[in-house]
Amino acid sequence: MASYRVFIKPSAGKELEAIDPRKERERVAERIRALAADPRPHGCEKLSGRSELYRVRVGRYRFVFSIDDSAAEIQVVKVGHRKEVYR
């Protein structure tokens, strides 16, 4: 399977850096890096109403991303607490 390139929008990068404690931030970052090898990991779900977006749960946090299979690219568009990420 080909490796995907993972891009993080600048706004999502700021949201990722705002996660505290550091241990939680590192867990989320590791799951984002793992998307390069497996773009649809176990627990990945499509968002209803937004056919191009997926989400992954990491404890209390979620990240939302899109997959472009033709270009082998993944773009992380939102990172945040489960209460706020879908707004």
PDB file of N, CA and C in Angstrom:
ATOM      1  N   MET A   1       0.832  -1.168   0.000  1.00  0.00           N
ATOM      2  CA  MET A   1       0.000   0.000   0.000  1.00  0.00           C
ATOM      3  C   MET A   1       0.888   1.247   0.000  1.00  0.00           C
ATOM      4  N   ALA A   2       0.537   2.206  -0.801  1.00  0.00           N
ATOM      5  CA  ALA A   2       1.322   3.433  -0.911  1.00  0.00           C
ATOM      6  C   ALA A   2       1.168   4.283   0.349  1.00  0.00           C
ATOM      7  N   SER A   3       2.214   5.000   0.669  1.00  0.00           N
ATOM      8  CA  SER A   3       2.187   5.897   1.820  1.00  0.00           C
ATOM      9  C   SER A   3       1.516   7.212   1.439  1.00  0.00           C
ATOM     10  N   TYR A   4       0.698   7.720   2.315  1.00  0.00           N
ATOM     11  CA  TYR A   4       0.000   8.985   2.086  1.00  0.00           C
ATOM     12  C   TYR A   4       0.801  10.119   2.716  1.00  0.00           C
ATOM     13  N   ARG A   5       0.677  11.306   2.154  1.00  0.00           N
ATOM     14  CA  ARG A   5       1.278  12.495   2.756  1.00  0.00           C
ATOM     15  C   ARG A   5       0.206  13.149   3.620  1.00  0.00           C
ATOM     16  N   VAL A   6       0.591  13.547   4.818  1.00  0.00           N
ATOM     17  CA  VAL A   6      -0.348  14.144   5.765  1.00  0.00           C
ATOM     18  C   VAL A   6      -0.040  15.631   5.897  1.00  0.00           C
ATOM     19  N   PHE A   7      -1.057  16.453   5.665  1.00  0.00           N
ATOM     20  CA  PHE A   7      -0.950  17.899   5.811  1.00  0.00           C
ATOM     21  C   PHE A   7      -1.879  18.332   6.937  1.00  0.00           C
ATOM     22  N   ILE A   8      -1.456  19.331   7.697  1.00  0.00           N
ATOM     23  CA  ILE A   8      -2.279  19.877   8.770  1.00  0.00           C
ATOM     24  C   ILE A   8      -2.501  21.346   8.472  1.00  0.00           C
ATOM     25  N   LYS A   9      -3.765  21.757   8.365  1.00  0.00           N
ATOM     26  CA  LYS A   9      -4.070  23.168   8.155  1.00  0.00           C
ATOM     27  C   LYS A   9      -3.475  23.979   9.300  1.00  0.00           C
ATOM     28  N   PRO A  10      -3.029  25.196   9.026  1.00  0.00           N
ATOM     29  CA  PRO A  10      -2.459  26.023  10.100  1.00  0.00           C
ATOM     30  C   PRO A  10      -3.398  26.188  11.298  1.00  0.00           C
ATOM     31  N   SER A  11      -4.683  26.342  11.044  1.00  0.00           N
ATOM     32  CA  SER A  11      -5.627  26.491  12.156  1.00  0.00           C
ATOM     33  C   SER A  11      -5.708  25.200  12.979  1.00  0.00           C
ATOM     34  N   ALA A  12      -5.653  24.052  12.320  1.00  0.00           N
ATOM     35  CA  ALA A  12      -5.677  22.772  13.031  1.00  0.00           C
ATOM     36  C   ALA A  12      -4.379  22.573  13.809  1.00  0.00           C
ATOM     37  N   GLY A  13      -3.273  23.070  13.274  1.00  0.00           N
ATOM     38  CA  GLY A  13      -2.001  22.988  13.985  1.00  0.00           C
ATOM     39  C   GLY A  13      -2.040  23.779  15.283  1.00  0.00           C
ATOM     40  N   LYS A  14      -2.668  24.948  15.249  1.00  0.00           N
ATOM     41  CA  LYS A  14      -2.808  25.760  16.462  1.00  0.00           C
ATOM     42  C   LYS A  14      -3.713  25.060  17.472  1.00  0.00           C
ATOM     43  N   GLU A  15      -4.772  24.432  16.976  1.00  0.00           N
ATOM     44  CA  GLU A  15      -5.676  23.703  17.865  1.00  0.00           C
ATOM     45  C   GLU A  15      -4.953  22.526  18.517  1.00  0.00           C
ATOM     46  N   LEU A  16      -4.106  21.857  17.750  1.00  0.00           N
ATOM     47  CA  LEU A  16      -3.327  20.738  18.278  1.00  0.00           C
ATOM     48  C   LEU A  16      -2.365  21.216  19.361  1.00  0.00           C
ATOM     49  N   GLU A  17      -1.684  22.322  19.122  1.00  0.00           N
ATOM     50  CA  GLU A  17      -0.736  22.857  20.103  1.00  0.00           C
ATOM     51  C   GLU A  17      -1.431  23.322  21.381  1.00  0.00           C
ATOM     52  N   ALA A  18      -2.712  23.654  21.294  1.00  0.00           N
ATOM     53  CA  ALA A  18      -3.456  24.134  22.456  1.00  0.00           C
ATOM     54  C   ALA A  18      -3.917  23.007  23.381  1.00  0.00           C
ATOM     55  N   ILE A  19      -3.801  21.764  22.938  1.00  0.00           N
ATOM     56  CA  ILE A  19      -4.230  20.639  23.772  1.00  0.00           C
ATOM     57  C   ILE A  19      -3.285  20.495  24.956  1.00  0.00           C
ATOM     58  N   ASP A  20      -3.888  20.433  26.130  1.00  0.00           N
ATOM     59  CA  ASP A  20      -3.113  20.275  27.342  1.00  0.00           C
ATOM     60  C   ASP A  20      -3.763  19.171  28.148  1.00  0.00           C
ATOM     61  N   PRO A  21      -3.097  18.299  28.732  1.00  0.00           N
ATOM     62  CA  PRO A  21      -1.672  18.204  28.970  1.00  0.00           C
ATOM     63  C   PRO A  21      -0.900  17.695  27.755  1.00  0.00           C
ATOM     64  N   ARG A  22       0.387  17.795  27.852  1.00  0.00           N
ATOM     65  CA  ARG A  22       1.268  17.422  26.741  1.00  0.00           C
ATOM     66  C   ARG A  22       1.086  15.959  26.330  1.00  0.00           C
ATOM     67  N   LYS A  23       0.852  15.100  27.302  1.00  0.00           N
ATOM     68  CA  LYS A  23       0.669  13.675  27.015  1.00  0.00           C
ATOM     69  C   LYS A  23      -0.500  13.454  26.050  1.00  0.00           C
ATOM     70  N   GLU A  24      -1.611  14.160  26.270  1.00  0.00           N
ATOM     71  CA  GLU A  24      -2.772  14.056  25.373  1.00  0.00           C
ATOM     72  C   GLU A  24      -2.429  14.574  23.990  1.00  0.00           C
ATOM     73  N   ARG A  25      -1.724  15.689  23.921  1.00  0.00           N
ATOM     74  CA  ARG A  25      -1.325  16.279  22.643  1.00  0.00           C
ATOM     75  C   ARG A  25      -0.468  15.298  21.851  1.00  0.00           C
ATOM     76  N   GLU A  26       0.464  14.624  22.527  1.00  0.00           N
ATOM     77  CA  GLU A  26       1.328  13.656  21.850  1.00  0.00           C
ATOM     78  C   GLU A  26       0.545  12.446  21.344  1.00  0.00           C
ATOM     79  N   ARG A  27      -0.469  12.009  22.094  1.00  0.00           N
ATOM     80  CA  ARG A  27      -1.306  10.892  21.643  1.00  0.00           C
ATOM     81  C   ARG A  27      -2.048  11.249  20.360  1.00  0.00           C
ATOM     82  N   VAL A  28      -2.610  12.462  20.317  1.00  0.00           N
ATOM     83  CA  VAL A  28      -3.334  12.909  19.127  1.00  0.00           C
ATOM     84  C   VAL A  28      -2.368  13.037  17.950  1.00  0.00           C
ATOM     85  N   ALA A  29      -1.202  13.623  18.177  1.00  0.00           N
ATOM     86  CA  ALA A  29      -0.214  13.800  17.113  1.00  0.00           C
ATOM     87  C   ALA A  29       0.252  12.454  16.565  1.00  0.00           C
ATOM     88  N   GLU A  30       0.415  11.470  17.428  1.00  0.00           N
ATOM     89  CA  GLU A  30       0.837  10.135  16.979  1.00  0.00           C
ATOM     90  C   GLU A  30      -0.229   9.499  16.087  1.00  0.00           C
ATOM     91  N   ARG A  31      -1.502   9.657  16.447  1.00  0.00           N
ATOM     92  CA  ARG A  31      -2.581   9.104  15.616  1.00  0.00           C
ATOM     93  C   ARG A  31      -2.646   9.811  14.264  1.00  0.00           C
ATOM     94  N   ILE A  32      -2.358  11.115  14.247  1.00  0.00           N
ATOM     95  CA  ILE A  32      -2.336  11.852  12.980  1.00  0.00           C
ATOM     96  C   ILE A  32      -1.194  11.349  12.105  1.00  0.00           C
ATOM     97  N   ARG A  33      -0.017  11.156  12.693  1.00  0.00           N
ATOM     98  CA  ARG A  33       1.133  10.629  11.926  1.00  0.00           C
ATOM     99  C   ARG A  33       0.843   9.229  11.374  1.00  0.00           C
ATOM    100  N   ALA A  34       0.110   8.431  12.131  1.00  0.00           N
ATOM    101  CA  ALA A  34      -0.203   7.063  11.712  1.00  0.00           C
ATOM    102  C   ALA A  34      -1.109   7.023  10.479  1.00  0.00           C
ATOM    103  N   LEU A  35      -1.788   8.127  10.178  1.00  0.00           N
ATOM    104  CA  LEU A  35      -2.643   8.161   8.987  1.00  0.00           C
ATOM    105  C   LEU A  35      -1.851   7.949   7.701  1.00  0.00           C
ATOM    106  N   ALA A  36      -0.568   8.279   7.700  1.00  0.00           N
ATOM    107  CA  ALA A  36       0.261   8.122   6.498  1.00  0.00           C
ATOM    108  C   ALA A  36       0.300   6.661   6.060  1.00  0.00           C
ATOM    109  N   ALA A  37       0.345   5.755   7.010  1.00  0.00           N
ATOM    110  CA  ALA A  37       0.396   4.328   6.685  1.00  0.00           C
ATOM    111  C   ALA A  37      -0.991   3.719   6.501  1.00  0.00           C
ATOM    112  N   ASP A  38      -1.968   4.216   7.247  1.00  0.00           N
ATOM    113  CA  ASP A  38      -3.330   3.672   7.189  1.00  0.00           C
ATOM    114  C   ASP A  38      -4.322   4.828   7.226  1.00  0.00           C
ATOM    115  N   PRO A  39      -4.769   5.315   6.064  1.00  0.00           N
ATOM    116  CA  PRO A  39      -5.643   6.491   6.027  1.00  0.00           C
ATOM    117  C   PRO A  39      -7.045   6.269   6.595  1.00  0.00           C
ATOM    118  N   ARG A  40      -7.454   5.036   6.741  1.00  0.00           N
ATOM    119  CA  ARG A  40      -8.762   4.727   7.330  1.00  0.00           C
ATOM    120  C   ARG A  40      -8.568   3.707   8.458  1.00  0.00           C
ATOM    121  N   PRO A  41      -8.001   4.159   9.584  1.00  0.00           N
ATOM    122  CA  PRO A  41      -7.699   3.232  10.685  1.00  0.00           C
ATOM    123  C   PRO A  41      -8.958   2.732  11.369  1.00  0.00           C
ATOM    124  N   HIS A  42      -8.786   1.724  12.196  1.00  0.00           N
ATOM    125  CA  HIS A  42      -9.893   1.199  12.986  1.00  0.00           C
ATOM    126  C   HIS A  42     -10.441   2.318  13.850  1.00  0.00           C
ATOM    127  N   GLY A  43     -11.733   2.503  13.862  1.00  0.00           N
ATOM    128  CA  GLY A  43     -12.360   3.561  14.640  1.00  0.00           C
ATOM    129  C   GLY A  43     -12.609   4.832  13.849  1.00  0.00           C
ATOM    130  N   CYS A  44     -12.155   4.874  12.617  1.00  0.00           N
ATOM    131  CA  CYS A  44     -12.365   6.031  11.749  1.00  0.00           C
ATOM    132  C   CYS A  44     -13.808   5.993  11.252  1.00  0.00           C
ATOM    133  N   GLU A  45     -14.498   7.131  11.319  1.00  0.00           N
ATOM    134  CA  GLU A  45     -15.883   7.182  10.856  1.00  0.00           C
ATOM    135  C   GLU A  45     -16.095   8.367   9.936  1.00  0.00           C
ATOM    136  N   LYS A  46     -16.917   8.166   8.925  1.00  0.00           N
ATOM    137  CA  LYS A  46     -17.317   9.267   8.044  1.00  0.00           C
ATOM    138  C   LYS A  46     -18.293  10.150   8.793  1.00  0.00           C
ATOM    139  N   LEU A  47     -18.183  11.453   8.591  1.00  0.00           N
ATOM    140  CA  LEU A  47     -19.132  12.362   9.211  1.00  0.00           C
ATOM    141  C   LEU A  47     -20.403  12.410   8.377  1.00  0.00           C
ATOM    142  N   SER A  48     -21.541  12.319   9.019  1.00  0.00           N
ATOM    143  CA  SER A  48     -22.803  12.370   8.290  1.00  0.00           C
ATOM    144  C   SER A  48     -23.023  13.779   7.764  1.00  0.00           C
ATOM    145  N   GLY A  49     -23.516  13.867   6.552  1.00  0.00           N
ATOM    146  CA  GLY A  49     -23.775  15.154   5.930  1.00  0.00           C
ATOM    147  C   GLY A  49     -22.559  15.765   5.265  1.00  0.00           C
ATOM    148  N   ARG A  50     -21.379  15.259   5.533  1.00  0.00           N
ATOM    149  CA  ARG A  50     -20.137  15.767   4.947  1.00  0.00           C
ATOM    150  C   ARG A  50     -19.381  14.559   4.411  1.00  0.00           C
ATOM    151  N   SER A  51     -19.724  14.106   3.238  1.00  0.00           N
ATOM    152  CA  SER A  51     -19.225  12.841   2.710  1.00  0.00           C
ATOM    153  C   SER A  51     -17.717  12.781   2.560  1.00  0.00           C
ATOM    154  N   GLU A  52     -17.048  13.929   2.464  1.00  0.00           N
ATOM    155  CA  GLU A  52     -15.607  13.908   2.249  1.00  0.00           C
ATOM    156  C   GLU A  52     -14.804  13.951   3.545  1.00  0.00           C
ATOM    157  N   LEU A  53     -15.464  14.090   4.697  1.00  0.00           N
ATOM    158  CA  LEU A  53     -14.760  14.227   5.964  1.00  0.00           C
ATOM    159  C   LEU A  53     -14.896  12.980   6.835  1.00  0.00           C
ATOM    160  N   TYR A  54     -13.812  12.678   7.542  1.00  0.00           N
ATOM    161  CA  TYR A  54     -13.753  11.559   8.472  1.00  0.00           C
ATOM    162  C   TYR A  54     -13.319  12.085   9.827  1.00  0.00           C
ATOM    163  N   ARG A  55     -13.554  11.294  10.887  1.00  0.00           N
ATOM    164  CA  ARG A  55     -13.089  11.666  12.209  1.00  0.00           C
ATOM    165  C   ARG A  55     -12.478  10.456  12.893  1.00  0.00           C
ATOM    166  N   VAL A  56     -11.525  10.758  13.777  1.00  0.00           N
ATOM    167  CA  VAL A  56     -10.899   9.736  14.608  1.00  0.00           C
ATOM    168  C   VAL A  56     -10.968  10.219  16.045  1.00  0.00           C
ATOM    169  N   ARG A  57     -11.304   9.312  16.933  1.00  0.00           N
ATOM    170  CA  ARG A  57     -11.428   9.602  18.357  1.00  0.00           C
ATOM    171  C   ARG A  57     -10.128   9.221  19.053  1.00  0.00           C
ATOM    172  N   VAL A  58      -9.619  10.123  19.891  1.00  0.00           N
ATOM    173  CA  VAL A  58      -8.437   9.858  20.707  1.00  0.00           C
ATOM    174  C   VAL A  58      -8.768  10.352  22.112  1.00  0.00           C
ATOM    175  N   GLY A  59      -9.295   9.472  22.940  1.00  0.00           N
ATOM    176  CA  GLY A  59      -9.717   9.873  24.281  1.00  0.00           C
ATOM    177  C   GLY A  59     -10.831  10.897  24.208  1.00  0.00           C
ATOM    178  N   ARG A  60     -10.625  12.051  24.852  1.00  0.00           N
ATOM    179  CA  ARG A  60     -11.625  13.118  24.842  1.00  0.00           C
ATOM    180  C   ARG A  60     -11.521  13.998  23.612  1.00  0.00           C
ATOM    181  N   TYR A  61     -10.536  13.757  22.790  1.00  0.00           N
ATOM    182  CA  TYR A  61     -10.282  14.617  21.637  1.00  0.00           C
ATOM    183  C   TYR A  61     -10.634  13.918  20.329  1.00  0.00           C
ATOM    184  N   ARG A  62     -10.897  14.741  19.316  1.00  0.00           N
ATOM    185  CA  ARG A  62     -11.208  14.244  17.976  1.00  0.00           C
ATOM    186  C   ARG A  62     -10.403  15.052  16.980  1.00  0.00           C
ATOM    187  N   PHE A  63     -10.112  14.431  15.845  1.00  0.00           N
ATOM    188  CA  PHE A  63      -9.611  15.221  14.733  1.00  0.00           C
ATOM    189  C   PHE A  63     -10.366  14.831  13.485  1.00  0.00           C
ATOM    190  N   VAL A  64     -10.607  15.829  12.647  1.00  0.00           N
ATOM    191  CA  VAL A  64     -11.407  15.679  11.441  1.00  0.00           C
ATOM    192  C   VAL A  64     -10.467  15.882  10.262  1.00  0.00           C
ATOM    193  N   PHE A  65     -10.593  15.016   9.256  1.00  0.00           N
ATOM    194  CA  PHE A  65      -9.689  15.084   8.115  1.00  0.00           C
ATOM    195  C   PHE A  65     -10.377  14.646   6.836  1.00  0.00           C
ATOM    196  N   SER A  66      -9.759  15.007   5.719  1.00  0.00           N
ATOM    197  CA  SER A  66     -10.249  14.568   4.409  1.00  0.00           C
ATOM    198  C   SER A  66      -9.161  13.723   3.757  1.00  0.00           C
ATOM    199  N   ILE A  67      -9.593  12.823   2.892  1.00  0.00           N
ATOM    200  CA  ILE A  67      -8.677  11.923   2.198  1.00  0.00           C
ATOM    201  C   ILE A  67      -8.818  12.132   0.700  1.00  0.00           C
ATOM    202  N   ASP A  68      -7.695  12.320   0.019  1.00  0.00           N
ATOM    203  CA  ASP A  68      -7.661  12.409  -1.435  1.00  0.00           C
ATOM    204  C   ASP A  68      -6.869  11.206  -1.926  1.00  0.00           C
ATOM    205  N   ASP A  69      -7.593  10.121  -2.274  1.00  0.00           N
ATOM    206  CA  ASP A  69      -6.929   8.888  -2.680  1.00  0.00           C
ATOM    207  C   ASP A  69      -6.156   9.029  -3.987  1.00  0.00           C
ATOM    208  N   SER A  70      -6.637   9.851  -4.901  1.00  0.00           N
ATOM    209  CA  SER A  70      -5.958   9.984  -6.191  1.00  0.00           C
ATOM    210  C   SER A  70      -4.593  10.652  -6.045  1.00  0.00           C
ATOM    211  N   ALA A  71      -4.457  11.579  -5.091  1.00  0.00           N
ATOM    212  CA  ALA A  71      -3.177  12.260  -4.867  1.00  0.00           C
ATOM    213  C   ALA A  71      -2.422  11.665  -3.679  1.00  0.00           C
ATOM    214  N   ALA A  72      -3.002  10.693  -3.003  1.00  0.00           N
ATOM    215  CA  ALA A  72      -2.421  10.067  -1.810  1.00  0.00           C
ATOM    216  C   ALA A  72      -2.087  11.120  -0.765  1.00  0.00           C
ATOM    217  N   GLU A  73      -3.091  11.967  -0.464  1.00  0.00           N
ATOM    218  CA  GLU A  73      -2.909  13.034   0.510  1.00  0.00           C
ATOM    219  C   GLU A  73      -4.038  13.035   1.540  1.00  0.00           C
ATOM    220  N   ILE A  74      -3.685  13.421   2.740  1.00  0.00           N
ATOM    221  CA  ILE A  74      -4.645  13.565   3.826  1.00  0.00           C
ATOM    222  C   ILE A  74      -4.489  14.966   4.374  1.00  0.00           C
ATOM    223  N   GLN A  75      -5.604  15.655   4.588  1.00  0.00           N
ATOM    224  CA  GLN A  75      -5.564  17.002   5.159  1.00  0.00           C
ATOM    225  C   GLN A  75      -6.361  17.022   6.454  1.00  0.00           C
ATOM    226  N   VAL A  76      -5.679  17.316   7.549  1.00  0.00           N
ATOM    227  CA  VAL A  76      -6.333  17.458   8.848  1.00  0.00           C
ATOM    228  C   VAL A  76      -6.891  18.876   8.913  1.00  0.00           C
ATOM    229  N   VAL A  77      -8.212  18.978   9.108  1.00  0.00           N
ATOM    230  CA  VAL A  77      -8.859  20.286   9.056  1.00  0.00           C
ATOM    231  C   VAL A  77      -9.286  20.812  10.423  1.00  0.00           C
ATOM    232  N   LYS A  78      -9.436  19.935  11.413  1.00  0.00           N
ATOM    233  CA  LYS A  78      -9.916  20.382  12.727  1.00  0.00           C
ATOM    234  C   LYS A  78      -9.416  19.418  13.791  1.00  0.00           C
ATOM    235  N   VAL A  79      -8.987  19.964  14.928  1.00  0.00           N
ATOM    236  CA  VAL A  79      -8.563  19.177  16.079  1.00  0.00           C
ATOM    237  C   VAL A  79      -9.168  19.836  17.303  1.00  0.00           C
ATOM    238  N   GLY A  80      -9.759  19.039  18.185  1.00  0.00           N
ATOM    239  CA  GLY A  80     -10.308  19.653  19.381  1.00  0.00           C
ATOM    240  C   GLY A  80     -10.993  18.682  20.304  1.00  0.00           C
ATOM    241  N   HIS A  81     -11.479  19.233  21.411  1.00  0.00           N
ATOM    242  CA  HIS A  81     -12.235  18.461  22.394  1.00  0.00           C
ATOM    243  C   HIS A  81     -13.528  17.993  21.748  1.00  0.00           C
ATOM    244  N   ARG A  82     -14.019  16.875  22.180  1.00  0.00           N
ATOM    245  CA  ARG A  82     -15.207  16.269  21.556  1.00  0.00           C
ATOM    246  C   ARG A  82     -16.431  17.176  21.580  1.00  0.00           C
ATOM    247  N   LYS A  83     -16.524  18.069  22.556  1.00  0.00           N
ATOM    248  CA  LYS A  83     -17.670  18.982  22.644  1.00  0.00           C
ATOM    249  C   LYS A  83     -17.594  20.107  21.630  1.00  0.00           C
ATOM    250  N   GLU A  84     -16.394  20.439  21.157  1.00  0.00           N
ATOM    251  CA  GLU A  84     -16.213  21.617  20.331  1.00  0.00           C
ATOM    252  C   GLU A  84     -15.811  21.344  18.885  1.00  0.00           C
ATOM    253  N   VAL A  85     -15.364  20.155  18.577  1.00  0.00           N
ATOM    254  CA  VAL A  85     -14.747  19.903  17.283  1.00  0.00           C
ATOM    255  C   VAL A  85     -15.727  19.965  16.112  1.00  0.00           C
ATOM    256  N   TYR A  86     -16.995  19.702  16.328  1.00  0.00           N
ATOM    257  CA  TYR A  86     -17.955  19.653  15.227  1.00  0.00           C
ATOM    258  C   TYR A  86     -18.631  20.985  14.959  1.00  0.00           C
ATOM    259  N   ARG A  87     -18.320  22.014  15.711  1.00  0.00           N
ATOM    260  CA  ARG A  87     -18.943  23.327  15.532  1.00  0.00           C
ATOM    261  C   ARG A  87     -18.318  24.086  14.410  1.00  0.00           C
TER     262      ARG A  87
END
